[in-house]
């Protein structure tokens, strides 16, 4: 599937610079950047879900400082 995106001159200059530094085409650079962003969003959503499940579980967490103090370390 193809899509079309318009960028201003400043963004295009950055894309050209970074794609040259990474030895890839602008298209490949954009594909990789979008994929990395999507993966980051998936990771964030998974972390939020895990945190919500943890909070609902009733378990209690302790800081390392509190644990060391309790264990007299």
PDB file of N, CA and C in Angstrom:
ATOM      1  N   UNK A   1       0.849  -1.173   0.000  1.00  0.00           N
ATOM      2  CA  UNK A   1       0.000   0.000   0.000  1.00  0.00           C
ATOM      3  C   UNK A   1       0.893   1.234   0.000  1.00  0.00           C
ATOM      4  N   UNK A   2       0.504   2.194  -0.763  1.00  0.00           N
ATOM      5  CA  UNK A   2       1.227   3.458  -0.833  1.00  0.00           C
ATOM      6  C   UNK A   2       0.416   4.555  -0.168  1.00  0.00           C
ATOM      7  N   UNK A   3       1.127   5.479   0.459  1.00  0.00           N
ATOM      8  CA  UNK A   3       0.485   6.665   1.006  1.00  0.00           C
ATOM      9  C   UNK A   3       1.308   7.871   0.591  1.00  0.00           C
ATOM     10  N   UNK A   4       0.703   9.026   0.700  1.00  0.00           N
ATOM     11  CA  UNK A   4       1.382  10.268   0.345  1.00  0.00           C
ATOM     12  C   UNK A   4       1.346  11.195   1.549  1.00  0.00           C
ATOM     13  N   UNK A   5       2.505  11.758   1.886  1.00  0.00           N
ATOM     14  CA  UNK A   5       2.611  12.673   3.015  1.00  0.00           C
ATOM     15  C   UNK A   5       3.343  13.922   2.549  1.00  0.00           C
ATOM     16  N   UNK A   6       2.832  15.066   2.948  1.00  0.00           N
ATOM     17  CA  UNK A   6       3.518  16.318   2.633  1.00  0.00           C
ATOM     18  C   UNK A   6       4.244  16.821   3.875  1.00  0.00           C
ATOM     19  N   UNK A   7       5.518  17.189   3.683  1.00  0.00           N
ATOM     20  CA  UNK A   7       6.324  17.754   4.751  1.00  0.00           C
ATOM     21  C   UNK A   7       6.790  19.142   4.341  1.00  0.00           C
ATOM     22  N   UNK A   8       6.995  19.991   5.346  1.00  0.00           N
ATOM     23  CA  UNK A   8       7.544  21.304   5.029  1.00  0.00           C
ATOM     24  C   UNK A   8       9.037  21.163   4.752  1.00  0.00           C
ATOM     25  N   UNK A   9       9.663  22.235   4.293  1.00  0.00           N
ATOM     26  CA  UNK A   9      11.071  22.186   3.903  1.00  0.00           C
ATOM     27  C   UNK A   9      11.988  21.809   5.068  1.00  0.00           C
ATOM     28  N   UNK A  10      11.660  22.279   6.264  1.00  0.00           N
ATOM     29  CA  UNK A  10      12.483  21.981   7.436  1.00  0.00           C
ATOM     30  C   UNK A  10      12.487  20.480   7.739  1.00  0.00           C
ATOM     31  N   UNK A  11      11.316  19.882   7.707  1.00  0.00           N
ATOM     32  CA  UNK A  11      11.217  18.446   7.969  1.00  0.00           C
ATOM     33  C   UNK A  11      11.904  17.655   6.864  1.00  0.00           C
ATOM     34  N   UNK A  12      11.722  18.069   5.635  1.00  0.00           N
ATOM     35  CA  UNK A  12      12.374  17.371   4.517  1.00  0.00           C
ATOM     36  C   UNK A  12      13.894  17.431   4.642  1.00  0.00           C
ATOM     37  N   UNK A  13      14.416  18.580   5.066  1.00  0.00           N
ATOM     38  CA  UNK A  13      15.864  18.704   5.242  1.00  0.00           C
ATOM     39  C   UNK A  13      16.347  17.730   6.317  1.00  0.00           C
ATOM     40  N   UNK A  14      15.597  17.625   7.395  1.00  0.00           N
ATOM     41  CA  UNK A  14      15.962  16.675   8.453  1.00  0.00           C
ATOM     42  C   UNK A  14      15.899  15.239   7.949  1.00  0.00           C
ATOM     43  N   UNK A  15      14.832  14.909   7.228  1.00  0.00           N
ATOM     44  CA  UNK A  15      14.702  13.565   6.682  1.00  0.00           C
ATOM     45  C   UNK A  15      15.848  13.233   5.740  1.00  0.00           C
ATOM     46  N   UNK A  16      16.214  14.176   4.900  1.00  0.00           N
ATOM     47  CA  UNK A  16      17.324  13.954   3.974  1.00  0.00           C
ATOM     48  C   UNK A  16      18.630  13.752   4.739  1.00  0.00           C
ATOM     49  N   UNK A  17      18.854  14.585   5.742  1.00  0.00           N
ATOM     50  CA  UNK A  17      20.087  14.489   6.517  1.00  0.00           C
ATOM     51  C   UNK A  17      20.196  13.148   7.250  1.00  0.00           C
ATOM     52  N   UNK A  18      19.134  12.796   7.971  1.00  0.00           N
ATOM     53  CA  UNK A  18      19.187  11.569   8.764  1.00  0.00           C
ATOM     54  C   UNK A  18      19.185  10.320   7.890  1.00  0.00           C
ATOM     55  N   UNK A  19      18.461  10.338   6.801  1.00  0.00           N
ATOM     56  CA  UNK A  19      18.471   9.156   5.933  1.00  0.00           C
ATOM     57  C   UNK A  19      19.847   8.966   5.305  1.00  0.00           C
ATOM     58  N   UNK A  20      20.526  10.058   4.956  1.00  0.00           N
ATOM     59  CA  UNK A  20      21.891   9.935   4.436  1.00  0.00           C
ATOM     60  C   UNK A  20      22.826   9.390   5.499  1.00  0.00           C
ATOM     61  N   UNK A  21      22.690   9.893   6.734  1.00  0.00           N
ATOM     62  CA  UNK A  21      23.539   9.412   7.828  1.00  0.00           C
ATOM     63  C   UNK A  21      23.326   7.925   8.095  1.00  0.00           C
ATOM     64  N   UNK A  22      22.095   7.453   7.895  1.00  0.00           N
ATOM     65  CA  UNK A  22      21.775   6.046   8.137  1.00  0.00           C
ATOM     66  C   UNK A  22      21.926   5.192   6.882  1.00  0.00           C
ATOM     67  N   UNK A  23      22.358   5.810   5.788  1.00  0.00           N
ATOM     68  CA  UNK A  23      22.581   5.115   4.510  1.00  0.00           C
ATOM     69  C   UNK A  23      21.330   4.380   4.042  1.00  0.00           C
ATOM     70  N   UNK A  24      20.219   5.089   4.046  1.00  0.00           N
ATOM     71  CA  UNK A  24      18.965   4.499   3.563  1.00  0.00           C
ATOM     72  C   UNK A  24      18.165   5.568   2.827  1.00  0.00           C
ATOM     73  N   UNK A  25      17.125   5.129   2.181  1.00  0.00           N
ATOM     74  CA  UNK A  25      16.254   6.079   1.493  1.00  0.00           C
ATOM     75  C   UNK A  25      15.367   6.788   2.513  1.00  0.00           C
ATOM     76  N   UNK A  26      14.825   7.912   2.100  1.00  0.00           N
ATOM     77  CA  UNK A  26      13.890   8.627   2.967  1.00  0.00           C
ATOM     78  C   UNK A  26      12.691   7.746   3.273  1.00  0.00           C
ATOM     79  N   UNK A  27      12.219   7.017   2.279  1.00  0.00           N
ATOM     80  CA  UNK A  27      11.077   6.127   2.465  1.00  0.00           C
ATOM     81  C   UNK A  27      11.373   5.068   3.518  1.00  0.00           C
ATOM     82  N   UNK A  28      12.541   4.437   3.426  1.00  0.00           N
ATOM     83  CA  UNK A  28      12.907   3.422   4.415  1.00  0.00           C
ATOM     84  C   UNK A  28      13.080   4.027   5.805  1.00  0.00           C
ATOM     85  N   UNK A  29      13.648   5.225   5.858  1.00  0.00           N
ATOM     86  CA  UNK A  29      13.823   5.901   7.140  1.00  0.00           C
ATOM     87  C   UNK A  29      12.468   6.167   7.793  1.00  0.00           C
ATOM     88  N   UNK A  30      11.518   6.656   7.012  1.00  0.00           N
ATOM     89  CA  UNK A  30      10.179   6.939   7.534  1.00  0.00           C
ATOM     90  C   UNK A  30       9.495   5.645   7.970  1.00  0.00           C
ATOM     91  N   UNK A  31       9.597   4.587   7.157  1.00  0.00           N
ATOM     92  CA  UNK A  31       8.999   3.298   7.524  1.00  0.00           C
ATOM     93  C   UNK A  31       9.529   2.809   8.863  1.00  0.00           C
ATOM     94  N   UNK A  32      10.852   2.886   9.034  1.00  0.00           N
ATOM     95  CA  UNK A  32      11.447   2.423  10.278  1.00  0.00           C
ATOM     96  C   UNK A  32      10.994   3.288  11.459  1.00  0.00           C
ATOM     97  N   UNK A  33      10.947   4.597  11.260  1.00  0.00           N
ATOM     98  CA  UNK A  33      10.530   5.503  12.339  1.00  0.00           C
ATOM     99  C   UNK A  33       9.083   5.246  12.750  1.00  0.00           C
ATOM    100  N   UNK A  34       8.220   5.034  11.776  1.00  0.00           N
ATOM    101  CA  UNK A  34       6.813   4.759  12.076  1.00  0.00           C
ATOM    102  C   UNK A  34       6.680   3.424  12.798  1.00  0.00           C
ATOM    103  N   UNK A  35       7.383   2.411  12.330  1.00  0.00           N
ATOM    104  CA  UNK A  35       7.324   1.099  12.968  1.00  0.00           C
ATOM    105  C   UNK A  35       7.818   1.177  14.420  1.00  0.00           C
ATOM    106  N   UNK A  36       8.923   1.886  14.653  1.00  0.00           N
ATOM    107  CA  UNK A  36       9.437   2.037  16.012  1.00  0.00           C
ATOM    108  C   UNK A  36       8.432   2.760  16.908  1.00  0.00           C
ATOM    109  N   UNK A  37       7.780   3.779  16.370  1.00  0.00           N
ATOM    110  CA  UNK A  37       6.776   4.510  17.145  1.00  0.00           C
ATOM    111  C   UNK A  37       5.598   3.605  17.484  1.00  0.00           C
ATOM    112  N   UNK A  38       5.139   2.818  16.537  1.00  0.00           N
ATOM    113  CA  UNK A  38       4.030   1.897  16.787  1.00  0.00           C
ATOM    114  C   UNK A  38       4.401   0.851  17.832  1.00  0.00           C
ATOM    115  N   UNK A  39       5.623   0.336  17.764  1.00  0.00           N
ATOM    116  CA  UNK A  39       6.079  -0.628  18.765  1.00  0.00           C
ATOM    117  C   UNK A  39       6.152   0.018  20.146  1.00  0.00           C
ATOM    118  N   UNK A  40       6.619   1.267  20.206  1.00  0.00           N
ATOM    119  CA  UNK A  40       6.658   1.987  21.482  1.00  0.00           C
ATOM    120  C   UNK A  40       5.254   2.162  22.056  1.00  0.00           C
ATOM    121  N   UNK A  41       4.293   2.482  21.201  1.00  0.00           N
ATOM    122  CA  UNK A  41       2.910   2.642  21.650  1.00  0.00           C
ATOM    123  C   UNK A  41       2.343   1.324  22.168  1.00  0.00           C
ATOM    124  N   UNK A  42       2.647   0.230  21.480  1.00  0.00           N
ATOM    125  CA  UNK A  42       2.204  -1.090  21.955  1.00  0.00           C
ATOM    126  C   UNK A  42       2.799  -1.399  23.325  1.00  0.00           C
ATOM    127  N   UNK A  43       4.096  -1.114  23.477  1.00  0.00           N
ATOM    128  CA  UNK A  43       4.760  -1.356  24.764  1.00  0.00           C
ATOM    129  C   UNK A  43       4.134  -0.503  25.862  1.00  0.00           C
ATOM    130  N   UNK A  44       3.849   0.748  25.550  1.00  0.00           N
ATOM    131  CA  UNK A  44       3.236   1.644  26.523  1.00  0.00           C
ATOM    132  C   UNK A  44       1.857   1.126  26.940  1.00  0.00           C
ATOM    133  N   UNK A  45       1.051   0.740  25.963  1.00  0.00           N
ATOM    134  CA  UNK A  45      -0.283   0.224  26.273  1.00  0.00           C
ATOM    135  C   UNK A  45      -0.211  -1.037  27.124  1.00  0.00           C
ATOM    136  N   UNK A  46       0.743  -1.918  26.823  1.00  0.00           N
ATOM    137  CA  UNK A  46       0.911  -3.143  27.617  1.00  0.00           C
ATOM    138  C   UNK A  46       1.328  -2.799  29.044  1.00  0.00           C
ATOM    139  N   UNK A  47       2.201  -1.804  29.200  1.00  0.00           N
ATOM    140  CA  UNK A  47       2.642  -1.398  30.535  1.00  0.00           C
ATOM    141  C   UNK A  47       1.499  -0.790  31.335  1.00  0.00           C
ATOM    142  N   UNK A  48       0.691   0.039  30.691  1.00  0.00           N
ATOM    143  CA  UNK A  48      -0.462   0.638  31.366  1.00  0.00           C
ATOM    144  C   UNK A  48      -1.431  -0.450  31.807  1.00  0.00           C
ATOM    145  N   UNK A  49      -1.699  -1.399  30.933  1.00  0.00           N
ATOM    146  CA  UNK A  49      -2.605  -2.496  31.265  1.00  0.00           C
ATOM    147  C   UNK A  49      -2.058  -3.322  32.427  1.00  0.00           C
ATOM    148  N   UNK A  50      -0.759  -3.622  32.387  1.00  0.00           N
ATOM    149  CA  UNK A  50      -0.145  -4.400  33.467  1.00  0.00           C
ATOM    150  C   UNK A  50      -0.206  -3.637  34.781  1.00  0.00           C
ATOM    151  N   UNK A  51       0.031  -2.333  34.726  1.00  0.00           N
ATOM    152  CA  UNK A  51      -0.022  -1.523  35.947  1.00  0.00           C
ATOM    153  C   UNK A  51      -1.439  -1.503  36.514  1.00  0.00           C
ATOM    154  N   UNK A  52      -2.430  -1.344  35.640  1.00  0.00           N
ATOM    155  CA  UNK A  52      -3.820  -1.335  36.107  1.00  0.00           C
ATOM    156  C   UNK A  52      -4.176  -2.676  36.742  1.00  0.00           C
ATOM    157  N   UNK A  53      -3.748  -3.785  36.145  1.00  0.00           N
ATOM    158  CA  UNK A  53      -4.003  -5.107  36.714  1.00  0.00           C
ATOM    159  C   UNK A  53      -3.317  -5.244  38.069  1.00  0.00           C
ATOM    160  N   UNK A  54      -2.101  -4.748  38.167  1.00  0.00           N
ATOM    161  CA  UNK A  54      -1.372  -4.802  39.433  1.00  0.00           C
ATOM    162  C   UNK A  54      -2.107  -4.009  40.508  1.00  0.00           C
ATOM    163  N   UNK A  55      -2.541  -2.805  40.177  1.00  0.00           N
ATOM    164  CA  UNK A  55      -3.247  -1.980  41.160  1.00  0.00           C
ATOM    165  C   UNK A  55      -4.539  -2.643  41.619  1.00  0.00           C
ATOM    166  N   UNK A  56      -5.233  -3.316  40.715  1.00  0.00           N
ATOM    167  CA  UNK A  56      -6.498  -3.964  41.052  1.00  0.00           C
ATOM    168  C   UNK A  56      -6.269  -5.264  41.838  1.00  0.00           C
ATOM    169  N   UNK A  57      -5.060  -5.807  41.774  1.00  0.00           N
ATOM    170  CA  UNK A  57      -4.779  -7.091  42.421  1.00  0.00           C
ATOM    171  C   UNK A  57      -4.749  -6.995  43.941  1.00  0.00           C
ATOM    172  N   UNK A  58      -4.506  -5.801  44.459  1.00  0.00           N
ATOM    173  CA  UNK A  58      -4.414  -5.634  45.902  1.00  0.00           C
ATOM    174  C   UNK A  58      -3.027  -5.875  46.456  1.00  0.00           C
ATOM    175  N   UNK A  59      -2.108  -6.299  45.598  1.00  0.00           N
ATOM    176  CA  UNK A  59      -0.730  -6.484  46.056  1.00  0.00           C
ATOM    177  C   UNK A  59      -0.134  -5.126  46.421  1.00  0.00           C
ATOM    178  N   UNK A  60       0.826  -5.160  47.318  1.00  0.00           N
ATOM    179  CA  UNK A  60       1.491  -3.937  47.735  1.00  0.00           C
ATOM    180  C   UNK A  60       2.953  -4.020  47.344  1.00  0.00           C
ATOM    181  N   UNK A  61       3.494  -2.925  46.883  1.00  0.00           N
ATOM    182  CA  UNK A  61       4.909  -2.899  46.532  1.00  0.00           C
ATOM    183  C   UNK A  61       5.678  -2.105  47.584  1.00  0.00           C
ATOM    184  N   UNK A  62       6.971  -2.371  47.640  1.00  0.00           N
ATOM    185  CA  UNK A  62       7.841  -1.703  48.590  1.00  0.00           C
ATOM    186  C   UNK A  62       9.068  -1.189  47.856  1.00  0.00           C
ATOM    187  N   UNK A  63       9.553  -0.053  48.267  1.00  0.00           N
ATOM    188  CA  UNK A  63      10.767   0.472  47.655  1.00  0.00           C
ATOM    189  C   UNK A  63      11.954  -0.349  48.134  1.00  0.00           C
ATOM    190  N   UNK A  64      13.019  -0.316  47.364  1.00  0.00           N
ATOM    191  CA  UNK A  64      14.241  -1.019  47.762  1.00  0.00           C
ATOM    192  C   UNK A  64      14.731  -0.471  49.096  1.00  0.00           C
ATOM    193  N   UNK A  65      14.616   0.822  49.279  1.00  0.00           N
ATOM    194  CA  UNK A  65      15.041   1.438  50.537  1.00  0.00           C
ATOM    195  C   UNK A  65      14.275   0.846  51.724  1.00  0.00           C
ATOM    196  N   UNK A  66      12.962   0.699  51.587  1.00  0.00           N
ATOM    197  CA  UNK A  66      12.155   0.116  52.668  1.00  0.00           C
ATOM    198  C   UNK A  66      12.529  -1.340  52.935  1.00  0.00           C
ATOM    199  N   UNK A  67      12.784  -2.095  51.876  1.00  0.00           N
ATOM    200  CA  UNK A  67      13.161  -3.497  52.037  1.00  0.00           C
ATOM    201  C   UNK A  67      14.503  -3.599  52.768  1.00  0.00           C
ATOM    202  N   UNK A  68      15.483  -2.792  52.336  1.00  0.00           N
ATOM    203  CA  UNK A  68      16.791  -2.819  52.993  1.00  0.00           C
ATOM    204  C   UNK A  68      16.684  -2.423  54.461  1.00  0.00           C
ATOM    205  N   UNK A  69      15.853  -1.438  54.730  1.00  0.00           N
ATOM    206  CA  UNK A  69      15.675  -0.992  56.116  1.00  0.00           C
ATOM    207  C   UNK A  69      15.053  -2.110  56.940  1.00  0.00           C
ATOM    208  N   UNK A  70      14.018  -2.760  56.395  1.00  0.00           N
ATOM    209  CA  UNK A  70      13.340  -3.844  57.101  1.00  0.00           C
ATOM    210  C   UNK A  70      14.285  -5.019  57.382  1.00  0.00           C
ATOM    211  N   UNK A  71      15.164  -5.284  56.414  1.00  0.00           N
ATOM    212  CA  UNK A  71      16.106  -6.398  56.548  1.00  0.00           C
ATOM    213  C   UNK A  71      17.409  -5.977  57.230  1.00  0.00           C
ATOM    214  N   UNK A  72      17.474  -4.714  57.623  1.00  0.00           N
ATOM    215  CA  UNK A  72      18.655  -4.142  58.278  1.00  0.00           C
ATOM    216  C   UNK A  72      19.915  -4.331  57.440  1.00  0.00           C
ATOM    217  N   UNK A  73      19.791  -4.033  56.172  1.00  0.00           N
ATOM    218  CA  UNK A  73      20.931  -4.133  55.256  1.00  0.00           C
ATOM    219  C   UNK A  73      21.516  -2.766  54.977  1.00  0.00           C
TER     220      UNK A  73
END
